[in-house]
Amino acid sequence: MKRPKYYTTEELKKELFKNPKARKAYEDLQPEFAIVQAIIDARVKKKISQEELAKRMGTGQAVISRLENANARPSLSLIKRLADALGLKVELRLTPR
């Protein structure tokens, strides 16, 4: 029986990016990935659980979980509430490609 090939994350990205459509799809999702990473980083830095963050926002823990797993597209008002709950401000920048 032939063993499956295992890839590191970087090797897999390199392989997948040989396909221009896959590369574009990944690049198109970068803003969502950046928001998710910023939420997780801020919450962990403040040593706040998902449950505590949800309580501060007046929502359920499942909402935070969906945000952090990129299973939701948060509205700007939800992002503002999240920033307030973490003692942060929201900044939006549009930059040239």
PDB file of N, CA and C in Angstrom:
ATOM      1  N   MET A   1       0.847  -1.180   0.000  1.00  0.00           N
ATOM      2  CA  MET A   1       0.000   0.000   0.000  1.00  0.00           C
ATOM      3  C   MET A   1       0.894   1.245   0.000  1.00  0.00           C
ATOM      4  N   LYS A   2       0.567   2.180  -0.879  1.00  0.00           N
ATOM      5  CA  LYS A   2       1.341   3.419  -0.991  1.00  0.00           C
ATOM      6  C   LYS A   2       0.964   4.366   0.141  1.00  0.00           C
ATOM      7  N   ARG A   3       1.985   4.899   0.797  1.00  0.00           N
ATOM      8  CA  ARG A   3       1.762   5.846   1.897  1.00  0.00           C
ATOM      9  C   ARG A   3       1.399   7.218   1.349  1.00  0.00           C
ATOM     10  N   PRO A   4       0.503   7.923   2.018  1.00  0.00           N
ATOM     11  CA  PRO A   4       0.154   9.271   1.557  1.00  0.00           C
ATOM     12  C   PRO A   4       1.313  10.240   1.785  1.00  0.00           C
ATOM     13  N   LYS A   5       1.399  11.240   0.940  1.00  0.00           N
ATOM     14  CA  LYS A   5       2.434  12.266   1.115  1.00  0.00           C
ATOM     15  C   LYS A   5       1.937  13.279   2.135  1.00  0.00           C
ATOM     16  N   TYR A   6       2.798  13.621   3.060  1.00  0.00           N
ATOM     17  CA  TYR A   6       2.477  14.627   4.066  1.00  0.00           C
ATOM     18  C   TYR A   6       3.185  15.925   3.715  1.00  0.00           C
ATOM     19  N   TYR A   7       2.476  17.036   3.933  1.00  0.00           N
ATOM     20  CA  TYR A   7       3.001  18.359   3.620  1.00  0.00           C
ATOM     21  C   TYR A   7       3.028  19.215   4.873  1.00  0.00           C
ATOM     22  N   THR A   8       4.023  20.089   4.958  1.00  0.00           N
ATOM     23  CA  THR A   8       3.975  21.149   5.960  1.00  0.00           C
ATOM     24  C   THR A   8       3.006  22.200   5.410  1.00  0.00           C
ATOM     25  N   THR A   9       2.609  23.121   6.250  1.00  0.00           N
ATOM     26  CA  THR A   9       1.708  24.183   5.794  1.00  0.00           C
ATOM     27  C   THR A   9       2.324  24.966   4.645  1.00  0.00           C
ATOM     28  N   GLU A  10       3.589  25.292   4.765  1.00  0.00           N
ATOM     29  CA  GLU A  10       4.255  26.065   3.710  1.00  0.00           C
ATOM     30  C   GLU A  10       4.356  25.271   2.411  1.00  0.00           C
ATOM     31  N   GLU A  11       4.659  23.977   2.514  1.00  0.00           N
ATOM     32  CA  GLU A  11       4.728  23.141   1.309  1.00  0.00           C
ATOM     33  C   GLU A  11       3.359  23.048   0.638  1.00  0.00           C
ATOM     34  N   LEU A  12       2.329  22.914   1.436  1.00  0.00           N
ATOM     35  CA  LEU A  12       0.977  22.819   0.893  1.00  0.00           C
ATOM     36  C   LEU A  12       0.589  24.119   0.199  1.00  0.00           C
ATOM     37  N   LYS A  13       0.887  25.253   0.842  1.00  0.00           N
ATOM     38  CA  LYS A  13       0.597  26.545   0.218  1.00  0.00           C
ATOM     39  C   LYS A  13       1.321  26.675  -1.119  1.00  0.00           C
ATOM     40  N   LYS A  14       2.596  26.314  -1.131  1.00  0.00           N
ATOM     41  CA  LYS A  14       3.395  26.415  -2.350  1.00  0.00           C
ATOM     42  C   LYS A  14       2.782  25.548  -3.454  1.00  0.00           C
ATOM     43  N   GLU A  15       2.372  24.349  -3.103  1.00  0.00           N
ATOM     44  CA  GLU A  15       1.758  23.433  -4.072  1.00  0.00           C
ATOM     45  C   GLU A  15       0.419  23.990  -4.576  1.00  0.00           C
ATOM     46  N   LEU A  16      -0.418  24.428  -3.648  1.00  0.00           N
ATOM     47  CA  LEU A  16      -1.736  24.956  -4.028  1.00  0.00           C
ATOM     48  C   LEU A  16      -1.623  26.231  -4.860  1.00  0.00           C
ATOM     49  N   PHE A  17      -0.639  27.063  -4.541  1.00  0.00           N
ATOM     50  CA  PHE A  17      -0.495  28.346  -5.235  1.00  0.00           C
ATOM     51  C   PHE A  17      -0.001  28.203  -6.659  1.00  0.00           C
ATOM     52  N   LYS A  18       0.328  26.997  -7.069  1.00  0.00           N
ATOM     53  CA  LYS A  18       0.657  26.774  -8.481  1.00  0.00           C
ATOM     54  C   LYS A  18      -0.592  26.991  -9.338  1.00  0.00           C
ATOM     55  N   ASN A  19      -1.755  26.844  -8.704  1.00  0.00           N
ATOM     56  CA  ASN A  19      -3.035  27.075  -9.384  1.00  0.00           C
ATOM     57  C   ASN A  19      -3.425  28.542  -9.161  1.00  0.00           C
ATOM     58  N   PRO A  20      -3.479  29.347 -10.226  1.00  0.00           N
ATOM     59  CA  PRO A  20      -3.801  30.774 -10.075  1.00  0.00           C
ATOM     60  C   PRO A  20      -5.150  31.035  -9.401  1.00  0.00           C
ATOM     61  N   LYS A  21      -6.140  30.177  -9.646  1.00  0.00           N
ATOM     62  CA  LYS A  21      -7.445  30.372  -9.022  1.00  0.00           C
ATOM     63  C   LYS A  21      -7.371  30.150  -7.511  1.00  0.00           C
ATOM     64  N   ALA A  22      -6.602  29.172  -7.095  1.00  0.00           N
ATOM     65  CA  ALA A  22      -6.434  28.906  -5.658  1.00  0.00           C
ATOM     66  C   ALA A  22      -5.709  30.072  -4.997  1.00  0.00           C
ATOM     67  N   ARG A  23      -4.684  30.587  -5.655  1.00  0.00           N
ATOM     68  CA  ARG A  23      -3.934  31.729  -5.109  1.00  0.00           C
ATOM     69  C   ARG A  23      -4.852  32.941  -4.952  1.00  0.00           C
ATOM     70  N   LYS A  24      -5.658  33.212  -5.985  1.00  0.00           N
ATOM     71  CA  LYS A  24      -6.569  34.365  -5.926  1.00  0.00           C
ATOM     72  C   LYS A  24      -7.596  34.196  -4.819  1.00  0.00           C
ATOM     73  N   ALA A  25      -8.156  33.005  -4.679  1.00  0.00           N
ATOM     74  CA  ALA A  25      -9.139  32.752  -3.619  1.00  0.00           C
ATOM     75  C   ALA A  25      -8.518  33.006  -2.252  1.00  0.00           C
ATOM     76  N   TYR A  26      -7.285  32.554  -2.055  1.00  0.00           N
ATOM     77  CA  TYR A  26      -6.575  32.763  -0.792  1.00  0.00           C
ATOM     78  C   TYR A  26      -6.347  34.255  -0.551  1.00  0.00           C
ATOM     79  N   GLU A  27      -5.879  34.942  -1.561  1.00  0.00           N
ATOM     80  CA  GLU A  27      -5.612  36.382  -1.433  1.00  0.00           C
ATOM     81  C   GLU A  27      -6.893  37.163  -1.162  1.00  0.00           C
ATOM     82  N   ASP A  28      -7.993  36.744  -1.778  1.00  0.00           N
ATOM     83  CA  ASP A  28      -9.270  37.419  -1.559  1.00  0.00           C
ATOM     84  C   ASP A  28      -9.754  37.286  -0.112  1.00  0.00           C
ATOM     85  N   LEU A  29      -9.330  36.230   0.567  1.00  0.00           N
ATOM     86  CA  LEU A  29      -9.750  36.002   1.953  1.00  0.00           C
ATOM     87  C   LEU A  29      -8.824  36.650   2.988  1.00  0.00           C
ATOM     88  N   GLN A  30      -7.746  37.256   2.542  1.00  0.00           N
ATOM     89  CA  GLN A  30      -6.782  37.849   3.481  1.00  0.00           C
ATOM     90  C   GLN A  30      -7.405  38.846   4.459  1.00  0.00           C
ATOM     91  N   PRO A  31      -8.313  39.742   4.034  1.00  0.00           N
ATOM     92  CA  PRO A  31      -8.903  40.667   5.015  1.00  0.00           C
ATOM     93  C   PRO A  31      -9.646  39.927   6.132  1.00  0.00           C
ATOM     94  N   GLU A  32     -10.382  38.867   5.785  1.00  0.00           N
ATOM     95  CA  GLU A  32     -11.092  38.093   6.804  1.00  0.00           C
ATOM     96  C   GLU A  32     -10.107  37.422   7.758  1.00  0.00           C
ATOM     97  N   PHE A  33      -9.024  36.849   7.194  1.00  0.00           N
ATOM     98  CA  PHE A  33      -8.011  36.208   8.030  1.00  0.00           C
ATOM     99  C   PHE A  33      -7.371  37.224   8.976  1.00  0.00           C
ATOM    100  N   ALA A  34      -7.126  38.431   8.482  1.00  0.00           N
ATOM    101  CA  ALA A  34      -6.496  39.470   9.305  1.00  0.00           C
ATOM    102  C   ALA A  34      -7.410  39.870  10.462  1.00  0.00           C
ATOM    103  N   ILE A  35      -8.713  39.982  10.204  1.00  0.00           N
ATOM    104  CA  ILE A  35      -9.665  40.324  11.265  1.00  0.00           C
ATOM    105  C   ILE A  35      -9.699  39.230  12.319  1.00  0.00           C
ATOM    106  N   VAL A  36      -9.786  37.978  11.865  1.00  0.00           N
ATOM    107  CA  VAL A  36      -9.811  36.842  12.797  1.00  0.00           C
ATOM    108  C   VAL A  36      -8.555  36.843  13.664  1.00  0.00           C
ATOM    109  N   GLN A  37      -7.399  37.008  13.032  1.00  0.00           N
ATOM    110  CA  GLN A  37      -6.144  36.985  13.787  1.00  0.00           C
ATOM    111  C   GLN A  37      -6.073  38.140  14.780  1.00  0.00           C
ATOM    112  N   ALA A  38      -6.540  39.310  14.393  1.00  0.00           N
ATOM    113  CA  ALA A  38      -6.533  40.462  15.299  1.00  0.00           C
ATOM    114  C   ALA A  38      -7.445  40.216  16.501  1.00  0.00           C
ATOM    115  N   ILE A  39      -8.601  39.614  16.273  1.00  0.00           N
ATOM    116  CA  ILE A  39      -9.526  39.309  17.377  1.00  0.00           C
ATOM    117  C   ILE A  39      -8.884  38.336  18.354  1.00  0.00           C
ATOM    118  N   ILE A  40      -8.333  37.252  17.827  1.00  0.00           N
ATOM    119  CA  ILE A  40      -7.712  36.236  18.689  1.00  0.00           C
ATOM    120  C   ILE A  40      -6.531  36.828  19.446  1.00  0.00           C
ATOM    121  N   ASP A  41      -5.658  37.546  18.732  1.00  0.00           N
ATOM    122  CA  ASP A  41      -4.473  38.128  19.380  1.00  0.00           C
ATOM    123  C   ASP A  41      -4.861  39.078  20.513  1.00  0.00           C
ATOM    124  N   ALA A  42      -5.849  39.936  20.259  1.00  0.00           N
ATOM    125  CA  ALA A  42      -6.265  40.909  21.277  1.00  0.00           C
ATOM    126  C   ALA A  42      -6.871  40.207  22.485  1.00  0.00           C
ATOM    127  N   ARG A  43      -7.707  39.205  22.249  1.00  0.00           N
ATOM    128  CA  ARG A  43      -8.358  38.494  23.358  1.00  0.00           C
ATOM    129  C   ARG A  43      -7.325  37.744  24.195  1.00  0.00           C
ATOM    130  N   VAL A  44      -6.398  37.068  23.527  1.00  0.00           N
ATOM    131  CA  VAL A  44      -5.367  36.301  24.252  1.00  0.00           C
ATOM    132  C   VAL A  44      -4.440  37.242  25.015  1.00  0.00           C
ATOM    133  N   LYS A  45      -4.054  38.358  24.390  1.00  0.00           N
ATOM    134  CA  LYS A  45      -3.169  39.331  25.042  1.00  0.00           C
ATOM    135  C   LYS A  45      -3.799  39.867  26.333  1.00  0.00           C
ATOM    136  N   LYS A  46      -5.116  40.063  26.304  1.00  0.00           N
ATOM    137  CA  LYS A  46      -5.824  40.579  27.481  1.00  0.00           C
ATOM    138  C   LYS A  46      -6.197  39.457  28.456  1.00  0.00           C
ATOM    139  N   LYS A  47      -5.860  38.207  28.081  1.00  0.00           N
ATOM    140  CA  LYS A  47      -6.135  37.033  28.930  1.00  0.00           C
ATOM    141  C   LYS A  47      -7.628  36.913  29.250  1.00  0.00           C
ATOM    142  N   ILE A  48      -8.434  37.045  28.187  1.00  0.00           N
ATOM    143  CA  ILE A  48      -9.884  36.968  28.319  1.00  0.00           C
ATOM    144  C   ILE A  48     -10.372  35.732  27.567  1.00  0.00           C
ATOM    145  N   SER A  49     -11.223  34.961  28.179  1.00  0.00           N
ATOM    146  CA  SER A  49     -11.795  33.790  27.517  1.00  0.00           C
ATOM    147  C   SER A  49     -12.853  34.238  26.516  1.00  0.00           C
ATOM    148  N   GLN A  50     -13.209  33.334  25.629  1.00  0.00           N
ATOM    149  CA  GLN A  50     -14.303  33.631  24.701  1.00  0.00           C
ATOM    150  C   GLN A  50     -15.571  33.935  25.482  1.00  0.00           C
ATOM    151  N   GLU A  51     -15.805  33.172  26.520  1.00  0.00           N
ATOM    152  CA  GLU A  51     -17.013  33.366  27.336  1.00  0.00           C
ATOM    153  C   GLU A  51     -17.031  34.747  27.980  1.00  0.00           C
ATOM    154  N   GLU A  52     -15.895  35.167  28.527  1.00  0.00           N
ATOM    155  CA  GLU A  52     -15.812  36.488  29.168  1.00  0.00           C
ATOM    156  C   GLU A  52     -16.002  37.597  28.134  1.00  0.00           C
ATOM    157  N   LEU A  53     -15.389  37.452  26.971  1.00  0.00           N
ATOM    158  CA  LEU A  53     -15.542  38.458  25.920  1.00  0.00           C
ATOM    159  C   LEU A  53     -17.007  38.557  25.497  1.00  0.00           C
ATOM    160  N   ALA A  54     -17.643  37.424  25.334  1.00  0.00           N
ATOM    161  CA  ALA A  54     -19.059  37.408  24.947  1.00  0.00           C
ATOM    162  C   ALA A  54     -19.908  38.114  25.996  1.00  0.00           C
ATOM    163  N   LYS A  55     -19.615  37.847  27.263  1.00  0.00           N
ATOM    164  CA  LYS A  55     -20.372  38.476  28.355  1.00  0.00           C
ATOM    165  C   LYS A  55     -20.203  39.993  28.299  1.00  0.00           C
ATOM    166  N   ARG A  56     -18.981  40.454  28.067  1.00  0.00           N
ATOM    167  CA  ARG A  56     -18.719  41.897  27.982  1.00  0.00           C
ATOM    168  C   ARG A  56     -19.458  42.532  26.800  1.00  0.00           C
ATOM    169  N   MET A  57     -19.667  41.745  25.752  1.00  0.00           N
ATOM    170  CA  MET A  57     -20.347  42.256  24.552  1.00  0.00           C
ATOM    171  C   MET A  57     -21.856  42.086  24.618  1.00  0.00           C
ATOM    172  N   GLY A  58     -22.322  41.325  25.595  1.00  0.00           N
ATOM    173  CA  GLY A  58     -23.748  41.062  25.690  1.00  0.00           C
ATOM    174  C   GLY A  58     -24.230  40.075  24.641  1.00  0.00           C
ATOM    175  N   THR A  59     -23.389  39.103  24.328  1.00  0.00           N
ATOM    176  CA  THR A  59     -23.740  38.089  23.336  1.00  0.00           C
ATOM    177  C   THR A  59     -23.340  36.721  23.864  1.00  0.00           C
ATOM    178  N   GLY A  60     -23.499  35.703  23.048  1.00  0.00           N
ATOM    179  CA  GLY A  60     -23.158  34.348  23.471  1.00  0.00           C
ATOM    180  C   GLY A  60     -21.749  33.957  23.058  1.00  0.00           C
ATOM    181  N   GLN A  61     -21.180  32.997  23.761  1.00  0.00           N
ATOM    182  CA  GLN A  61     -19.832  32.505  23.470  1.00  0.00           C
ATOM    183  C   GLN A  61     -19.749  31.929  22.061  1.00  0.00           C
ATOM    184  N   ALA A  62     -20.841  31.351  21.567  1.00  0.00           N
ATOM    185  CA  ALA A  62     -20.845  30.766  20.224  1.00  0.00           C
ATOM    186  C   ALA A  62     -20.569  31.826  19.156  1.00  0.00           C
ATOM    187  N   VAL A  63     -21.003  33.055  19.405  1.00  0.00           N
ATOM    188  CA  VAL A  63     -20.744  34.149  18.453  1.00  0.00           C
ATOM    189  C   VAL A  63     -19.244  34.387  18.344  1.00  0.00           C
ATOM    190  N   ILE A  64     -18.568  34.413  19.476  1.00  0.00           N
ATOM    191  CA  ILE A  64     -17.115  34.629  19.483  1.00  0.00           C
ATOM    192  C   ILE A  64     -16.418  33.453  18.802  1.00  0.00           C
ATOM    193  N   SER A  65     -16.856  32.258  19.092  1.00  0.00           N
ATOM    194  CA  SER A  65     -16.275  31.069  18.466  1.00  0.00           C
ATOM    195  C   SER A  65     -16.416  31.130  16.946  1.00  0.00           C
ATOM    196  N   ARG A  66     -17.595  31.485  16.461  1.00  0.00           N
ATOM    197  CA  ARG A  66     -17.799  31.588  15.012  1.00  0.00           C
ATOM    198  C   ARG A  66     -16.894  32.659  14.408  1.00  0.00           C
ATOM    199  N   LEU A  67     -16.736  33.784  15.103  1.00  0.00           N
ATOM    200  CA  LEU A  67     -15.842  34.837  14.608  1.00  0.00           C
ATOM    201  C   LEU A  67     -14.406  34.338  14.512  1.00  0.00           C
ATOM    202  N   GLU A  68     -13.944  33.690  15.580  1.00  0.00           N
ATOM    203  CA  GLU A  68     -12.555  33.245  15.627  1.00  0.00           C
ATOM    204  C   GLU A  68     -12.272  32.070  14.696  1.00  0.00           C
ATOM    205  N   ASN A  69     -13.297  31.363  14.286  1.00  0.00           N
ATOM    206  CA  ASN A  69     -13.124  30.257  13.347  1.00  0.00           C
ATOM    207  C   ASN A  69     -13.474  30.665  11.918  1.00  0.00           C
ATOM    208  N   ALA A  70     -13.694  31.956  11.724  1.00  0.00           N
ATOM    209  CA  ALA A  70     -14.032  32.516  10.404  1.00  0.00           C
ATOM    210  C   ALA A  70     -15.280  31.859   9.823  1.00  0.00           C
ATOM    211  N   ASN A  71     -16.219  31.517  10.694  1.00  0.00           N
ATOM    212  CA  ASN A  71     -17.484  30.947  10.249  1.00  0.00           C
ATOM    213  C   ASN A  71     -18.597  31.979  10.239  1.00  0.00           C
ATOM    214  N   ALA A  72     -18.224  33.247  10.295  1.00  0.00           N
ATOM    215  CA  ALA A  72     -19.209  34.332  10.284  1.00  0.00           C
ATOM    216  C   ALA A  72     -18.572  35.544   9.622  1.00  0.00           C
ATOM    217  N   ARG A  73     -19.400  36.367   9.066  1.00  0.00           N
ATOM    218  CA  ARG A  73     -18.943  37.634   8.497  1.00  0.00           C
ATOM    219  C   ARG A  73     -19.482  38.740   9.380  1.00  0.00           C
ATOM    220  N   PRO A  74     -18.658  39.230  10.292  1.00  0.00           N
ATOM    221  CA  PRO A  74     -19.155  40.214  11.259  1.00  0.00           C
ATOM    222  C   PRO A  74     -19.471  41.560  10.623  1.00  0.00           C
ATOM    223  N   SER A  75     -20.518  42.181  11.132  1.00  0.00           N
ATOM    224  CA  SER A  75     -20.853  43.536  10.700  1.00  0.00           C
ATOM    225  C   SER A  75     -19.878  44.505  11.357  1.00  0.00           C
ATOM    226  N   LEU A  76     -19.818  45.697  10.828  1.00  0.00           N
ATOM    227  CA  LEU A  76     -18.958  46.721  11.428  1.00  0.00           C
ATOM    228  C   LEU A  76     -19.420  47.029  12.848  1.00  0.00           C
ATOM    229  N   SER A  77     -20.714  47.026  13.091  1.00  0.00           N
ATOM    230  CA  SER A  77     -21.207  47.310  14.446  1.00  0.00           C
ATOM    231  C   SER A  77     -20.767  46.216  15.424  1.00  0.00           C
ATOM    232  N   LEU A  78     -20.741  44.956  14.987  1.00  0.00           N
ATOM    233  CA  LEU A  78     -20.267  43.879  15.868  1.00  0.00           C
ATOM    234  C   LEU A  78     -18.777  44.040  16.140  1.00  0.00           C
ATOM    235  N   ILE A  79     -18.012  44.408  15.132  1.00  0.00           N
ATOM    236  CA  ILE A  79     -16.577  44.624  15.322  1.00  0.00           C
ATOM    237  C   ILE A  79     -16.344  45.783  16.291  1.00  0.00           C
ATOM    238  N   LYS A  80     -17.146  46.837  16.197  1.00  0.00           N
ATOM    239  CA  LYS A  80     -17.025  47.966  17.134  1.00  0.00           C
ATOM    240  C   LYS A  80     -17.331  47.516  18.559  1.00  0.00           C
ATOM    241  N   ARG A  81     -18.389  46.720  18.737  1.00  0.00           N
ATOM    242  CA  ARG A  81     -18.730  46.205  20.074  1.00  0.00           C
ATOM    243  C   ARG A  81     -17.606  45.341  20.623  1.00  0.00           C
ATOM    244  N   LEU A  82     -17.019  44.534  19.761  1.00  0.00           N
ATOM    245  CA  LEU A  82     -15.911  43.680  20.166  1.00  0.00           C
ATOM    246  C   LEU A  82     -14.716  44.530  20.595  1.00  0.00           C
ATOM    247  N   ALA A  83     -14.396  45.547  19.791  1.00  0.00           N
ATOM    248  CA  ALA A  83     -13.286  46.442  20.130  1.00  0.00           C
ATOM    249  C   ALA A  83     -13.544  47.142  21.461  1.00  0.00           C
ATOM    250  N   ASP A  84     -14.764  47.631  21.676  1.00  0.00           N
ATOM    251  CA  ASP A  84     -15.104  48.274  22.951  1.00  0.00           C
ATOM    252  C   ASP A  84     -14.908  47.312  24.120  1.00  0.00           C
ATOM    253  N   ALA A  85     -15.354  46.071  23.940  1.00  0.00           N
ATOM    254  CA  ALA A  85     -15.237  45.073  25.006  1.00  0.00           C
ATOM    255  C   ALA A  85     -13.780  44.747  25.331  1.00  0.00           C
ATOM    256  N   LEU A  86     -12.893  44.947  24.344  1.00  0.00           N
ATOM    257  CA  LEU A  86     -11.467  44.690  24.552  1.00  0.00           C
ATOM    258  C   LEU A  86     -10.682  45.964  24.867  1.00  0.00           C
ATOM    259  N   GLY A  87     -11.379  47.101  24.939  1.00  0.00           N
ATOM    260  CA  GLY A  87     -10.701  48.363  25.219  1.00  0.00           C
ATOM    261  C   GLY A  87      -9.848  48.830  24.049  1.00  0.00           C
ATOM    262  N   LEU A  88     -10.313  48.546  22.848  1.00  0.00           N
ATOM    263  CA  LEU A  88      -9.571  48.905  21.641  1.00  0.00           C
ATOM    264  C   LEU A  88     -10.415  49.810  20.754  1.00  0.00           C
ATOM    265  N   LYS A  89      -9.786  50.374  19.719  1.00  0.00           N
ATOM    266  CA  LYS A  89     -10.530  51.155  18.732  1.00  0.00           C
ATOM    267  C   LYS A  89     -10.384  50.471  17.384  1.00  0.00           C
ATOM    268  N   VAL A  90     -11.307  50.743  16.503  1.00  0.00           N
ATOM    269  CA  VAL A  90     -11.299  50.156  15.171  1.00  0.00           C
ATOM    270  C   VAL A  90     -10.657  51.146  14.207  1.00  0.00           C
ATOM    271  N   GLU A  91      -9.739  50.668  13.394  1.00  0.00           N
ATOM    272  CA  GLU A  91      -9.137  51.476  12.342  1.00  0.00           C
ATOM    273  C   GLU A  91      -9.281  50.701  11.036  1.00  0.00           C
ATOM    274  N   LEU A  92      -9.634  51.400   9.981  1.00  0.00           N
ATOM    275  CA  LEU A  92      -9.793  50.784   8.676  1.00  0.00           C
ATOM    276  C   LEU A  92      -8.889  51.519   7.708  1.00  0.00           C
ATOM    277  N   ARG A  93      -8.093  50.751   6.958  1.00  0.00           N
ATOM    278  CA  ARG A  93      -7.203  51.364   5.963  1.00  0.00           C
ATOM    279  C   ARG A  93      -7.416  50.674   4.625  1.00  0.00           C
ATOM    280  N   LEU A  94      -7.428  51.458   3.590  1.00  0.00           N
ATOM    281  CA  LEU A  94      -7.428  50.939   2.239  1.00  0.00           C
ATOM    282  C   LEU A  94      -6.084  51.303   1.640  1.00  0.00           C
ATOM    283  N   THR A  95      -5.385  50.312   1.116  1.00  0.00           N
ATOM    284  CA  THR A  95      -4.041  50.542   0.594  1.00  0.00           C
ATOM    285  C   THR A  95      -3.943  50.038  -0.839  1.00  0.00           C
ATOM    286  N   PRO A  96      -3.011  50.588  -1.608  1.00  0.00           N
ATOM    287  CA  PRO A  96      -2.816  50.104  -2.978  1.00  0.00           C
ATOM    288  C   PRO A  96      -2.372  48.633  -2.972  1.00  0.00           C
ATOM    289  N   ARG A  97      -2.744  47.945  -4.020  1.00  0.00           N
ATOM    290  CA  ARG A  97      -2.329  46.528  -4.148  1.00  0.00           C
ATOM    291  C   ARG A  97      -0.905  46.421  -4.572  1.00  0.00           C
TER     292      ARG A  97
END
